[in-house]
Amino acid sequence: MTVIYHNPRCSKSRRTLELLTENNIQPTIINYLDTPPTKEELTHVLQLLGQQPPDIIRFGEKIANDLNLSVHDQREFNEWLEIMIKHPILIERPIVINENKAIMGRPPENVLKII
């Protein structure tokens, strides 16, 4: 099963979805802005990506500035997760999961590595 954490307003996310469908993959599409992932889902995604929460934060978003977030913050893992769930716009996109592998679709062609 393939899943894409998708933002239809993001050109990289749209192109990643196109690449999947061009390769005959019909992923489950999660519009994470409308349906933020749970702590368990985010933890699983991070494990598959082999990354920590700050690695998938969009620090350039206005809300990141408003919250005084920095890649150098010494926050606890769960605190980062709570911030991402409350403000899903902060989650980098798109993220694609295929079976037991995950990758960031930046650039979109990255997705070809796991399909």
PDB file of N, CA and C in Angstrom:
ATOM      1  N   MET A   1       0.841  -1.177   0.000  1.00  0.00           N
ATOM      2  CA  MET A   1       0.000   0.000   0.000  1.00  0.00           C
ATOM      3  C   MET A   1       0.891   1.247   0.000  1.00  0.00           C
ATOM      4  N   THR A   2       0.488   2.227  -0.772  1.00  0.00           N
ATOM      5  CA  THR A   2       1.228   3.479  -0.866  1.00  0.00           C
ATOM      6  C   THR A   2       0.357   4.611  -0.340  1.00  0.00           C
ATOM      7  N   VAL A   3       0.983   5.487   0.436  1.00  0.00           N
ATOM      8  CA  VAL A   3       0.296   6.627   1.041  1.00  0.00           C
ATOM      9  C   VAL A   3       1.087   7.884   0.709  1.00  0.00           C
ATOM     10  N   ILE A   4       0.362   8.967   0.417  1.00  0.00           N
ATOM     11  CA  ILE A   4       1.025  10.261   0.240  1.00  0.00           C
ATOM     12  C   ILE A   4       0.384  11.264   1.193  1.00  0.00           C
ATOM     13  N   TYR A   5       1.220  11.905   1.991  1.00  0.00           N
ATOM     14  CA  TYR A   5       0.779  13.038   2.792  1.00  0.00           C
ATOM     15  C   TYR A   5       0.878  14.235   1.863  1.00  0.00           C
ATOM     16  N   HIS A   6      -0.261  14.743   1.468  1.00  0.00           N
ATOM     17  CA  HIS A   6      -0.390  15.620   0.309  1.00  0.00           C
ATOM     18  C   HIS A   6      -0.994  16.966   0.669  1.00  0.00           C
ATOM     19  N   ASN A   7      -0.480  18.004  -0.004  1.00  0.00           N
ATOM     20  CA  ASN A   7      -1.078  19.337   0.040  1.00  0.00           C
ATOM     21  C   ASN A   7      -1.355  19.718  -1.400  1.00  0.00           C
ATOM     22  N   PRO A   8      -2.618  19.720  -1.819  1.00  0.00           N
ATOM     23  CA  PRO A   8      -2.932  19.983  -3.227  1.00  0.00           C
ATOM     24  C   PRO A   8      -2.521  21.377  -3.698  1.00  0.00           C
ATOM     25  N   ARG A   9      -2.245  22.286  -2.783  1.00  0.00           N
ATOM     26  CA  ARG A   9      -1.802  23.631  -3.175  1.00  0.00           C
ATOM     27  C   ARG A   9      -0.296  23.706  -3.424  1.00  0.00           C
ATOM     28  N   CYS A  10       0.412  22.640  -3.126  1.00  0.00           N
ATOM     29  CA  CYS A  10       1.868  22.610  -3.265  1.00  0.00           C
ATOM     30  C   CYS A  10       2.259  21.968  -4.600  1.00  0.00           C
ATOM     31  N   SER A  11       3.027  22.677  -5.397  1.00  0.00           N
ATOM     32  CA  SER A  11       3.409  22.154  -6.717  1.00  0.00           C
ATOM     33  C   SER A  11       4.260  20.884  -6.594  1.00  0.00           C
ATOM     34  N   LYS A  12       5.135  20.809  -5.614  1.00  0.00           N
ATOM     35  CA  LYS A  12       5.958  19.608  -5.431  1.00  0.00           C
ATOM     36  C   LYS A  12       5.095  18.412  -5.044  1.00  0.00           C
ATOM     37  N   SER A  13       4.098  18.663  -4.225  1.00  0.00           N
ATOM     38  CA  SER A  13       3.194  17.603  -3.817  1.00  0.00           C
ATOM     39  C   SER A  13       2.354  17.129  -5.009  1.00  0.00           C
ATOM     40  N   ARG A  14       1.856  18.064  -5.798  1.00  0.00           N
ATOM     41  CA  ARG A  14       1.070  17.689  -6.985  1.00  0.00           C
ATOM     42  C   ARG A  14       1.921  16.889  -7.965  1.00  0.00           C
ATOM     43  N   ARG A  15       3.159  17.318  -8.186  1.00  0.00           N
ATOM     44  CA  ARG A  15       4.032  16.610  -9.129  1.00  0.00           C
ATOM     45  C   ARG A  15       4.380  15.223  -8.607  1.00  0.00           C
ATOM     46  N   THR A  16       4.587  15.091  -7.321  1.00  0.00           N
ATOM     47  CA  THR A  16       4.876  13.780  -6.739  1.00  0.00           C
ATOM     48  C   THR A  16       3.694  12.847  -6.948  1.00  0.00           C
ATOM     49  N   LEU A  17       2.490  13.345  -6.726  1.00  0.00           N
ATOM     50  CA  LEU A  17       1.289  12.538  -6.954  1.00  0.00           C
ATOM     51  C   LEU A  17       1.189  12.143  -8.429  1.00  0.00           C
ATOM     52  N   GLU A  18       1.494  13.057  -9.333  1.00  0.00           N
ATOM     53  CA  GLU A  18       1.486  12.745 -10.769  1.00  0.00           C
ATOM     54  C   GLU A  18       2.470  11.618 -11.084  1.00  0.00           C
ATOM     55  N   LEU A  19       3.673  11.691 -10.523  1.00  0.00           N
ATOM     56  CA  LEU A  19       4.667  10.649 -10.769  1.00  0.00           C
ATOM     57  C   LEU A  19       4.179   9.288 -10.293  1.00  0.00           C
ATOM     58  N   LEU A  20       3.515   9.267  -9.151  1.00  0.00           N
ATOM     59  CA  LEU A  20       2.969   8.007  -8.659  1.00  0.00           C
ATOM     60  C   LEU A  20       1.939   7.449  -9.625  1.00  0.00           C
ATOM     61  N   THR A  21       1.002   8.285 -10.040  1.00  0.00           N
ATOM     62  CA  THR A  21      -0.056   7.796 -10.931  1.00  0.00           C
ATOM     63  C   THR A  21       0.495   7.431 -12.308  1.00  0.00           C
ATOM     64  N   GLU A  22       1.502   8.171 -12.783  1.00  0.00           N
ATOM     65  CA  GLU A  22       2.144   7.822 -14.056  1.00  0.00           C
ATOM     66  C   GLU A  22       2.815   6.454 -13.986  1.00  0.00           C
ATOM     67  N   ASN A  23       3.166   6.025 -12.788  1.00  0.00           N
ATOM     68  CA  ASN A  23       3.782   4.720 -12.576  1.00  0.00           C
ATOM     69  C   ASN A  23       2.770   3.692 -12.077  1.00  0.00           C
ATOM     70  N   ASN A  24       1.512   3.931 -12.393  1.00  0.00           N
ATOM     71  CA  ASN A  24       0.411   3.005 -12.081  1.00  0.00           C
ATOM     72  C   ASN A  24       0.244   2.728 -10.592  1.00  0.00           C
ATOM     73  N   ILE A  25       0.525   3.724  -9.794  1.00  0.00           N
ATOM     74  CA  ILE A  25       0.314   3.613  -8.351  1.00  0.00           C
ATOM     75  C   ILE A  25      -0.796   4.580  -7.970  1.00  0.00           C
ATOM     76  N   GLN A  26      -1.831   4.044  -7.364  1.00  0.00           N
ATOM     77  CA  GLN A  26      -2.947   4.850  -6.890  1.00  0.00           C
ATOM     78  C   GLN A  26      -2.848   4.926  -5.365  1.00  0.00           C
ATOM     79  N   PRO A  27      -2.147   5.926  -4.868  1.00  0.00           N
ATOM     80  CA  PRO A  27      -1.917   5.986  -3.423  1.00  0.00           C
ATOM     81  C   PRO A  27      -3.157   6.420  -2.646  1.00  0.00           C
ATOM     82  N   THR A  28      -3.152   6.078  -1.389  1.00  0.00           N
ATOM     83  CA  THR A  28      -4.105   6.668  -0.470  1.00  0.00           C
ATOM     84  C   THR A  28      -3.613   8.088  -0.225  1.00  0.00           C
ATOM     85  N   ILE A  29      -4.479   9.053  -0.485  1.00  0.00           N
ATOM     86  CA  ILE A  29      -4.094  10.456  -0.360  1.00  0.00           C
ATOM     87  C   ILE A  29      -4.588  10.988   0.974  1.00  0.00           C
ATOM     88  N   ILE A  30      -3.651  11.478   1.765  1.00  0.00           N
ATOM     89  CA  ILE A  30      -4.003  12.092   3.043  1.00  0.00           C
ATOM     90  C   ILE A  30      -3.710  13.577   2.929  1.00  0.00           C
ATOM     91  N   ASN A  31      -4.771  14.370   2.880  1.00  0.00           N
ATOM     92  CA  ASN A  31      -4.598  15.819   2.893  1.00  0.00           C
ATOM     93  C   ASN A  31      -4.367  16.196   4.350  1.00  0.00           C
ATOM     94  N   TYR A  32      -3.094  16.223   4.710  1.00  0.00           N
ATOM     95  CA  TYR A  32      -2.718  16.340   6.121  1.00  0.00           C
ATOM     96  C   TYR A  32      -3.078  17.690   6.732  1.00  0.00           C
ATOM     97  N   LEU A  33      -3.398  18.692   5.913  1.00  0.00           N
ATOM     98  CA  LEU A  33      -3.844  19.965   6.480  1.00  0.00           C
ATOM     99  C   LEU A  33      -5.268  19.833   7.027  1.00  0.00           C
ATOM    100  N   ASP A  34      -6.073  19.000   6.371  1.00  0.00           N
ATOM    101  CA  ASP A  34      -7.444  18.754   6.827  1.00  0.00           C
ATOM    102  C   ASP A  34      -7.508  17.633   7.855  1.00  0.00           C
ATOM    103  N   THR A  35      -6.614  16.670   7.713  1.00  0.00           N
ATOM    104  CA  THR A  35      -6.583  15.512   8.603  1.00  0.00           C
ATOM    105  C   THR A  35      -5.153  15.332   9.106  1.00  0.00           C
ATOM    106  N   PRO A  36      -4.769  16.098  10.128  1.00  0.00           N
ATOM    107  CA  PRO A  36      -3.392  15.988  10.641  1.00  0.00           C
ATOM    108  C   PRO A  36      -3.110  14.578  11.144  1.00  0.00           C
ATOM    109  N   PRO A  37      -1.878  14.128  10.971  1.00  0.00           N
ATOM    110  CA  PRO A  37      -1.529  12.805  11.485  1.00  0.00           C
ATOM    111  C   PRO A  37      -1.552  12.790  13.009  1.00  0.00           C
ATOM    112  N   THR A  38      -1.748  11.607  13.544  1.00  0.00           N
ATOM    113  CA  THR A  38      -1.695  11.426  14.995  1.00  0.00           C
ATOM    114  C   THR A  38      -0.225  11.332  15.421  1.00  0.00           C
ATOM    115  N   LYS A  39      -0.011  11.338  16.731  1.00  0.00           N
ATOM    116  CA  LYS A  39       1.351  11.154  17.249  1.00  0.00           C
ATOM    117  C   LYS A  39       1.932   9.824  16.775  1.00  0.00           C
ATOM    118  N   GLU A  40       1.097   8.790  16.808  1.00  0.00           N
ATOM    119  CA  GLU A  40       1.561   7.473  16.393  1.00  0.00           C
ATOM    120  C   GLU A  40       1.929   7.472  14.918  1.00  0.00           C
ATOM    121  N   GLU A  41       1.100   8.092  14.090  1.00  0.00           N
ATOM    122  CA  GLU A  41       1.389   8.146  12.655  1.00  0.00           C
ATOM    123  C   GLU A  41       2.670   8.944  12.379  1.00  0.00           C
ATOM    124  N   LEU A  42       2.814  10.096  13.025  1.00  0.00           N
ATOM    125  CA  LEU A  42       4.028  10.897  12.838  1.00  0.00           C
ATOM    126  C   LEU A  42       5.275  10.146  13.300  1.00  0.00           C
ATOM    127  N   THR A  43       5.160   9.457  14.413  1.00  0.00           N
ATOM    128  CA  THR A  43       6.282   8.677  14.917  1.00  0.00           C
ATOM    129  C   THR A  43       6.680   7.612  13.909  1.00  0.00           C
ATOM    130  N   HIS A  44       5.682   6.936  13.351  1.00  0.00           N
ATOM    131  CA  HIS A  44       5.930   5.894  12.347  1.00  0.00           C
ATOM    132  C   HIS A  44       6.590   6.491  11.098  1.00  0.00           C
ATOM    133  N   VAL A  45       6.075   7.616  10.620  1.00  0.00           N
ATOM    134  CA  VAL A  45       6.646   8.290   9.446  1.00  0.00           C
ATOM    135  C   VAL A  45       8.097   8.655   9.707  1.00  0.00           C
ATOM    136  N   LEU A  46       8.362   9.240  10.854  1.00  0.00           N
ATOM    137  CA  LEU A  46       9.731   9.632  11.190  1.00  0.00           C
ATOM    138  C   LEU A  46      10.658   8.422  11.266  1.00  0.00           C
ATOM    139  N   GLN A  47      10.167   7.314  11.825  1.00  0.00           N
ATOM    140  CA  GLN A  47      10.974   6.087  11.883  1.00  0.00           C
ATOM    141  C   GLN A  47      11.306   5.607  10.485  1.00  0.00           C
ATOM    142  N   LEU A  48      10.320   5.602   9.601  1.00  0.00           N
ATOM    143  CA  LEU A  48      10.553   5.148   8.231  1.00  0.00           C
ATOM    144  C   LEU A  48      11.500   6.074   7.478  1.00  0.00           C
ATOM    145  N   LEU A  49      11.396   7.372   7.749  1.00  0.00           N
ATOM    146  CA  LEU A  49      12.284   8.339   7.107  1.00  0.00           C
ATOM    147  C   LEU A  49      13.690   8.314   7.715  1.00  0.00           C
ATOM    148  N   GLY A  50      13.790   7.802   8.945  1.00  0.00           N
ATOM    149  CA  GLY A  50      15.066   7.819   9.651  1.00  0.00           C
ATOM    150  C   GLY A  50      15.441   9.233  10.070  1.00  0.00           C
ATOM    151  N   GLN A  51      14.425  10.014  10.441  1.00  0.00           N
ATOM    152  CA  GLN A  51      14.654  11.409  10.794  1.00  0.00           C
ATOM    153  C   GLN A  51      14.015  11.750  12.130  1.00  0.00           C
ATOM    154  N   GLN A  52      14.369  12.942  12.623  1.00  0.00           N
ATOM    155  CA  GLN A  52      13.810  13.488  13.848  1.00  0.00           C
ATOM    156  C   GLN A  52      12.812  14.586  13.471  1.00  0.00           C
ATOM    157  N   PRO A  53      11.913  14.959  14.382  1.00  0.00           N
ATOM    158  CA  PRO A  53      10.900  15.962  14.064  1.00  0.00           C
ATOM    159  C   PRO A  53      11.426  17.248  13.414  1.00  0.00           C
ATOM    160  N   PRO A  54      12.493  17.855  13.921  1.00  0.00           N
ATOM    161  CA  PRO A  54      12.943  19.103  13.271  1.00  0.00           C
ATOM    162  C   PRO A  54      13.349  18.928  11.810  1.00  0.00           C
ATOM    163  N   ASP A  55      13.675  17.683  11.423  1.00  0.00           N
ATOM    164  CA  ASP A  55      14.081  17.417  10.043  1.00  0.00           C
ATOM    165  C   ASP A  55      12.939  17.590   9.051  1.00  0.00           C
ATOM    166  N   ILE A  56      11.701  17.520   9.538  1.00  0.00           N
ATOM    167  CA  ILE A  56      10.562  17.642   8.618  1.00  0.00           C
ATOM    168  C   ILE A  56       9.697  18.868   8.931  1.00  0.00           C
ATOM    169  N   ILE A  57      10.271  19.825   9.617  1.00  0.00           N
ATOM    170  CA  ILE A  57       9.567  21.071   9.943  1.00  0.00           C
ATOM    171  C   ILE A  57       9.881  22.116   8.868  1.00  0.00           C
ATOM    172  N   ARG A  58       8.866  22.828   8.459  1.00  0.00           N
ATOM    173  CA  ARG A  58       9.022  23.936   7.519  1.00  0.00           C
ATOM    174  C   ARG A  58       9.252  25.211   8.339  1.00  0.00           C
ATOM    175  N   PHE A  59      10.501  25.469   8.663  1.00  0.00           N
ATOM    176  CA  PHE A  59      10.838  26.608   9.510  1.00  0.00           C
ATOM    177  C   PHE A  59      10.595  27.945   8.828  1.00  0.00           C
ATOM    178  N   GLY A  60      10.392  27.965   7.522  1.00  0.00           N
ATOM    179  CA  GLY A  60      10.118  29.199   6.803  1.00  0.00           C
ATOM    180  C   GLY A  60       8.667  29.653   6.878  1.00  0.00           C
ATOM    181  N   GLU A  61       7.802  28.809   7.422  1.00  0.00           N
ATOM    182  CA  GLU A  61       6.390  29.181   7.557  1.00  0.00           C
ATOM    183  C   GLU A  61       6.233  30.278   8.614  1.00  0.00           C
ATOM    184  N   LYS A  62       5.286  31.154   8.386  1.00  0.00           N
ATOM    185  CA  LYS A  62       5.036  32.265   9.313  1.00  0.00           C
ATOM    186  C   LYS A  62       4.768  31.754  10.732  1.00  0.00           C
ATOM    187  N   ILE A  63       3.996  30.689  10.833  1.00  0.00           N
ATOM    188  CA  ILE A  63       3.653  30.170  12.161  1.00  0.00           C
ATOM    189  C   ILE A  63       4.907  29.700  12.902  1.00  0.00           C
ATOM    190  N   ALA A  64       5.907  29.203  12.178  1.00  0.00           N
ATOM    191  CA  ALA A  64       7.161  28.797  12.827  1.00  0.00           C
ATOM    192  C   ALA A  64       7.832  30.006  13.463  1.00  0.00           C
ATOM    193  N   ASN A  65       7.803  31.112  12.759  1.00  0.00           N
ATOM    194  CA  ASN A  65       8.365  32.353  13.297  1.00  0.00           C
ATOM    195  C   ASN A  65       7.534  32.839  14.486  1.00  0.00           C
ATOM    196  N   ASP A  66       6.208  32.791  14.328  1.00  0.00           N
ATOM    197  CA  ASP A  66       5.317  33.226  15.410  1.00  0.00           C
ATOM    198  C   ASP A  66       5.545  32.410  16.691  1.00  0.00           C
ATOM    199  N   LEU A  67       5.863  31.126  16.512  1.00  0.00           N
ATOM    200  CA  LEU A  67       6.093  30.239  17.659  1.00  0.00           C
ATOM    201  C   LEU A  67       7.554  30.234  18.108  1.00  0.00           C
ATOM    202  N   ASN A  68       8.372  31.052  17.444  1.00  0.00           N
ATOM    203  CA  ASN A  68       9.809  31.119  17.748  1.00  0.00           C
ATOM    204  C   ASN A  68      10.486  29.756  17.635  1.00  0.00           C
ATOM    205  N   LEU A  69      10.121  28.999  16.606  1.00  0.00           N
ATOM    206  CA  LEU A  69      10.719  27.691  16.406  1.00  0.00           C
ATOM    207  C   LEU A  69      12.047  27.828  15.678  1.00  0.00           C
ATOM    208  N   SER A  70      12.969  26.985  16.064  1.00  0.00           N
ATOM    209  CA  SER A  70      14.287  26.963  15.440  1.00  0.00           C
ATOM    210  C   SER A  70      14.769  25.523  15.360  1.00  0.00           C
ATOM    211  N   VAL A  71      15.522  25.228  14.331  1.00  0.00           N
ATOM    212  CA  VAL A  71      16.094  23.892  14.178  1.00  0.00           C
ATOM    213  C   VAL A  71      17.003  23.557  15.360  1.00  0.00           C
ATOM    214  N   HIS A  72      17.464  24.559  16.063  1.00  0.00           N
ATOM    215  CA  HIS A  72      18.361  24.348  17.198  1.00  0.00           C
ATOM    216  C   HIS A  72      17.633  24.201  18.538  1.00  0.00           C
ATOM    217  N   ASP A  73      16.294  24.283  18.520  1.00  0.00           N
ATOM    218  CA  ASP A  73      15.524  24.131  19.755  1.00  0.00           C
ATOM    219  C   ASP A  73      15.790  22.770  20.387  1.00  0.00           C
ATOM    220  N   GLN A  74      15.872  22.766  21.681  1.00  0.00           N
ATOM    221  CA  GLN A  74      16.094  21.533  22.425  1.00  0.00           C
ATOM    222  C   GLN A  74      14.769  21.030  23.001  1.00  0.00           C
ATOM    223  N   ARG A  75      13.816  20.852  22.159  1.00  0.00           N
ATOM    224  CA  ARG A  75      12.500  20.366  22.596  1.00  0.00           C
ATOM    225  C   ARG A  75      12.494  18.843  22.647  1.00  0.00           C
ATOM    226  N   GLU A  76      11.586  18.323  23.448  1.00  0.00           N
ATOM    227  CA  GLU A  76      11.393  16.884  23.529  1.00  0.00           C
ATOM    228  C   GLU A  76      10.677  16.397  22.266  1.00  0.00           C
ATOM    229  N   PHE A  77      10.908  15.150  21.917  1.00  0.00           N
ATOM    230  CA  PHE A  77      10.299  14.525  20.744  1.00  0.00           C
ATOM    231  C   PHE A  77       8.790  14.750  20.714  1.00  0.00           C
ATOM    232  N   ASN A  78       8.112  14.434  21.820  1.00  0.00           N
ATOM    233  CA  ASN A  78       6.649  14.559  21.865  1.00  0.00           C
ATOM    234  C   ASN A  78       6.184  16.009  21.743  1.00  0.00           C
ATOM    235  N   GLU A  79       6.978  16.943  22.229  1.00  0.00           N
ATOM    236  CA  GLU A  79       6.615  18.356  22.096  1.00  0.00           C
ATOM    237  C   GLU A  79       6.621  18.766  20.627  1.00  0.00           C
ATOM    238  N   TRP A  80       7.631  18.315  19.878  1.00  0.00           N
ATOM    239  CA  TRP A  80       7.663  18.586  18.440  1.00  0.00           C
ATOM    240  C   TRP A  80       6.422  17.999  17.766  1.00  0.00           C
ATOM    241  N   LEU A  81       6.087  16.765  18.127  1.00  0.00           N
ATOM    242  CA  LEU A  81       4.918  16.120  17.527  1.00  0.00           C
ATOM    243  C   LEU A  81       3.652  16.911  17.803  1.00  0.00           C
ATOM    244  N   GLU A  82       3.478  17.360  19.030  1.00  0.00           N
ATOM    245  CA  GLU A  82       2.294  18.144  19.383  1.00  0.00           C
ATOM    246  C   GLU A  82       2.221  19.430  18.566  1.00  0.00           C
ATOM    247  N   ILE A  83       3.352  20.072  18.352  1.00  0.00           N
ATOM    248  CA  ILE A  83       3.388  21.301  17.547  1.00  0.00           C
ATOM    249  C   ILE A  83       2.963  20.989  16.111  1.00  0.00           C
ATOM    250  N   MET A  84       3.471  19.895  15.545  1.00  0.00           N
ATOM    251  CA  MET A  84       3.123  19.543  14.165  1.00  0.00           C
ATOM    252  C   MET A  84       1.656  19.165  14.016  1.00  0.00           C
ATOM    253  N   ILE A  85       1.118  18.498  15.005  1.00  0.00           N
ATOM    254  CA  ILE A  85      -0.298  18.117  14.952  1.00  0.00           C
ATOM    255  C   ILE A  85      -1.179  19.366  15.064  1.00  0.00           C
ATOM    256  N   LYS A  86      -0.810  20.275  15.938  1.00  0.00           N
ATOM    257  CA  LYS A  86      -1.593  21.504  16.115  1.00  0.00           C
ATOM    258  C   LYS A  86      -1.453  22.435  14.915  1.00  0.00           C
ATOM    259  N   HIS A  87      -0.289  22.416  14.261  1.00  0.00           N
ATOM    260  CA  HIS A  87      -0.003  23.295  13.119  1.00  0.00           C
ATOM    261  C   HIS A  87       0.543  22.452  11.966  1.00  0.00           C
ATOM    262  N   PRO A  88      -0.317  21.650  11.316  1.00  0.00           N
ATOM    263  CA  PRO A  88       0.182  20.722  10.286  1.00  0.00           C
ATOM    264  C   PRO A  88       0.843  21.410   9.089  1.00  0.00           C
ATOM    265  N   ILE A  89       0.612  22.701   8.890  1.00  0.00           N
ATOM    266  CA  ILE A  89       1.280  23.426   7.808  1.00  0.00           C
ATOM    267  C   ILE A  89       2.796  23.376   7.984  1.00  0.00           C
ATOM    268  N   LEU A  90       3.250  23.107   9.199  1.00  0.00           N
ATOM    269  CA  LEU A  90       4.683  23.031   9.480  1.00  0.00           C
ATOM    270  C   LEU A  90       5.329  21.744   8.974  1.00  0.00           C
ATOM    271  N   ILE A  91       4.524  20.747   8.625  1.00  0.00           N
ATOM    272  CA  ILE A  91       5.072  19.464   8.182  1.00  0.00           C
ATOM    273  C   ILE A  91       5.499  19.585   6.717  1.00  0.00           C
ATOM    274  N   GLU A  92       6.747  19.240   6.458  1.00  0.00           N
ATOM    275  CA  GLU A  92       7.264  19.262   5.090  1.00  0.00           C
ATOM    276  C   GLU A  92       6.469  18.287   4.235  1.00  0.00           C
ATOM    277  N   ARG A  93       6.283  18.664   2.988  1.00  0.00           N
ATOM    278  CA  ARG A  93       5.505  17.815   2.098  1.00  0.00           C
ATOM    279  C   ARG A  93       6.147  17.771   0.731  1.00  0.00           C
ATOM    280  N   PRO A  94       5.743  16.762  -0.006  1.00  0.00           N
ATOM    281  CA  PRO A  94       4.944  15.587   0.351  1.00  0.00           C
ATOM    282  C   PRO A  94       5.824  14.502   0.963  1.00  0.00           C
ATOM    283  N   ILE A  95       5.198  13.656   1.729  1.00  0.00           N
ATOM    284  CA  ILE A  95       5.861  12.466   2.254  1.00  0.00           C
ATOM    285  C   ILE A  95       5.125  11.274   1.665  1.00  0.00           C
ATOM    286  N   VAL A  96       5.886  10.360   1.097  1.00  0.00           N
ATOM    287  CA  VAL A  96       5.302   9.159   0.494  1.00  0.00           C
ATOM    288  C   VAL A  96       5.805   7.946   1.250  1.00  0.00           C
ATOM    289  N   ILE A  97       4.865   7.063   1.565  1.00  0.00           N
ATOM    290  CA  ILE A  97       5.183   5.790   2.213  1.00  0.00           C
ATOM    291  C   ILE A  97       4.762   4.688   1.253  1.00  0.00           C
ATOM    292  N   ASN A  98       5.683   3.784   0.989  1.00  0.00           N
ATOM    293  CA  ASN A  98       5.387   2.631   0.150  1.00  0.00           C
ATOM    294  C   ASN A  98       5.903   1.400   0.883  1.00  0.00           C
ATOM    295  N   GLU A  99       4.954   0.561   1.301  1.00  0.00           N
ATOM    296  CA  GLU A  99       5.295  -0.621   2.088  1.00  0.00           C
ATOM    297  C   GLU A  99       5.980  -0.177   3.382  1.00  0.00           C
ATOM    298  N   ASN A 100       7.242  -0.538   3.554  1.00  0.00           N
ATOM    299  CA  ASN A 100       7.959  -0.175   4.784  1.00  0.00           C
ATOM    300  C   ASN A 100       9.058   0.850   4.507  1.00  0.00           C
ATOM    301  N   LYS A 101       8.869   1.653   3.456  1.00  0.00           N
ATOM    302  CA  LYS A 101       9.830   2.700   3.104  1.00  0.00           C
ATOM    303  C   LYS A 101       9.097   4.032   3.010  1.00  0.00           C
ATOM    304  N   ALA A 102       9.826   5.092   3.311  1.00  0.00           N
ATOM    305  CA  ALA A 102       9.242   6.432   3.186  1.00  0.00           C
ATOM    306  C   ALA A 102      10.299   7.361   2.614  1.00  0.00           C
ATOM    307  N   ILE A 103       9.821   8.405   1.940  1.00  0.00           N
ATOM    308  CA  ILE A 103      10.729   9.385   1.361  1.00  0.00           C
ATOM    309  C   ILE A 103      10.007  10.714   1.231  1.00  0.00           C
ATOM    310  N   MET A 104      10.793  11.767   1.285  1.00  0.00           N
ATOM    311  CA  MET A 104      10.277  13.114   1.068  1.00  0.00           C
ATOM    312  C   MET A 104      10.286  13.370  -0.437  1.00  0.00           C
ATOM    313  N   GLY A 105       9.196  13.881  -0.965  1.00  0.00           N
ATOM    314  CA  GLY A 105       9.097  14.170  -2.393  1.00  0.00           C
ATOM    315  C   GLY A 105       9.695  15.516  -2.753  1.00  0.00           C
ATOM    316  N   ARG A 106      10.886  15.766  -2.309  1.00  0.00           N
ATOM    317  CA  ARG A 106      11.616  17.006  -2.622  1.00  0.00           C
ATOM    318  C   ARG A 106      13.031  16.630  -3.012  1.00  0.00           C
ATOM    319  N   PRO A 107      13.305  16.601  -4.287  1.00  0.00           N
ATOM    320  CA  PRO A 107      12.436  16.867  -5.413  1.00  0.00           C
ATOM    321  C   PRO A 107      11.448  15.718  -5.633  1.00  0.00           C
ATOM    322  N   PRO A 108      10.396  15.967  -6.391  1.00  0.00           N
ATOM    323  CA  PRO A 108       9.371  14.941  -6.605  1.00  0.00           C
ATOM    324  C   PRO A 108       9.937  13.597  -7.094  1.00  0.00           C
ATOM    325  N   GLU A 109      10.993  13.643  -7.881  1.00  0.00           N
ATOM    326  CA  GLU A 109      11.574  12.420  -8.436  1.00  0.00           C
ATOM    327  C   GLU A 109      12.127  11.494  -7.353  1.00  0.00           C
ATOM    328  N   ASN A 110      12.313  11.994  -6.148  1.00  0.00           N
ATOM    329  CA  ASN A 110      12.755  11.127  -5.041  1.00  0.00           C
ATOM    330  C   ASN A 110      11.842   9.930  -4.867  1.00  0.00           C
ATOM    331  N   VAL A 111      10.560  10.118  -5.143  1.00  0.00           N
ATOM    332  CA  VAL A 111       9.585   9.059  -4.920  1.00  0.00           C
ATOM    333  C   VAL A 111       9.892   7.819  -5.775  1.00  0.00           C
ATOM    334  N   LEU A 112      10.543   8.016  -6.887  1.00  0.00           N
ATOM    335  CA  LEU A 112      10.866   6.893  -7.769  1.00  0.00           C
ATOM    336  C   LEU A 112      11.818   5.908  -7.094  1.00  0.00           C
ATOM    337  N   LYS A 113      12.524   6.344  -6.070  1.00  0.00           N
ATOM    338  CA  LYS A 113      13.463   5.481  -5.358  1.00  0.00           C
ATOM    339  C   LYS A 113      12.773   4.392  -4.538  1.00  0.00           C
ATOM    340  N   ILE A 114      11.495   4.601  -4.193  1.00  0.00           N
ATOM    341  CA  ILE A 114      10.837   3.632  -3.310  1.00  0.00           C
ATOM    342  C   ILE A 114       9.643   2.941  -3.950  1.00  0.00           C
ATOM    343  N   ILE A 115       9.412   3.182  -5.231  1.00  0.00           N
ATOM    344  CA  ILE A 115       8.259   2.507  -5.860  1.00  0.00           C
ATOM    345  C   ILE A 115       8.726   1.371  -6.769  1.00  0.00           C
TER     346      ILE A 115
END
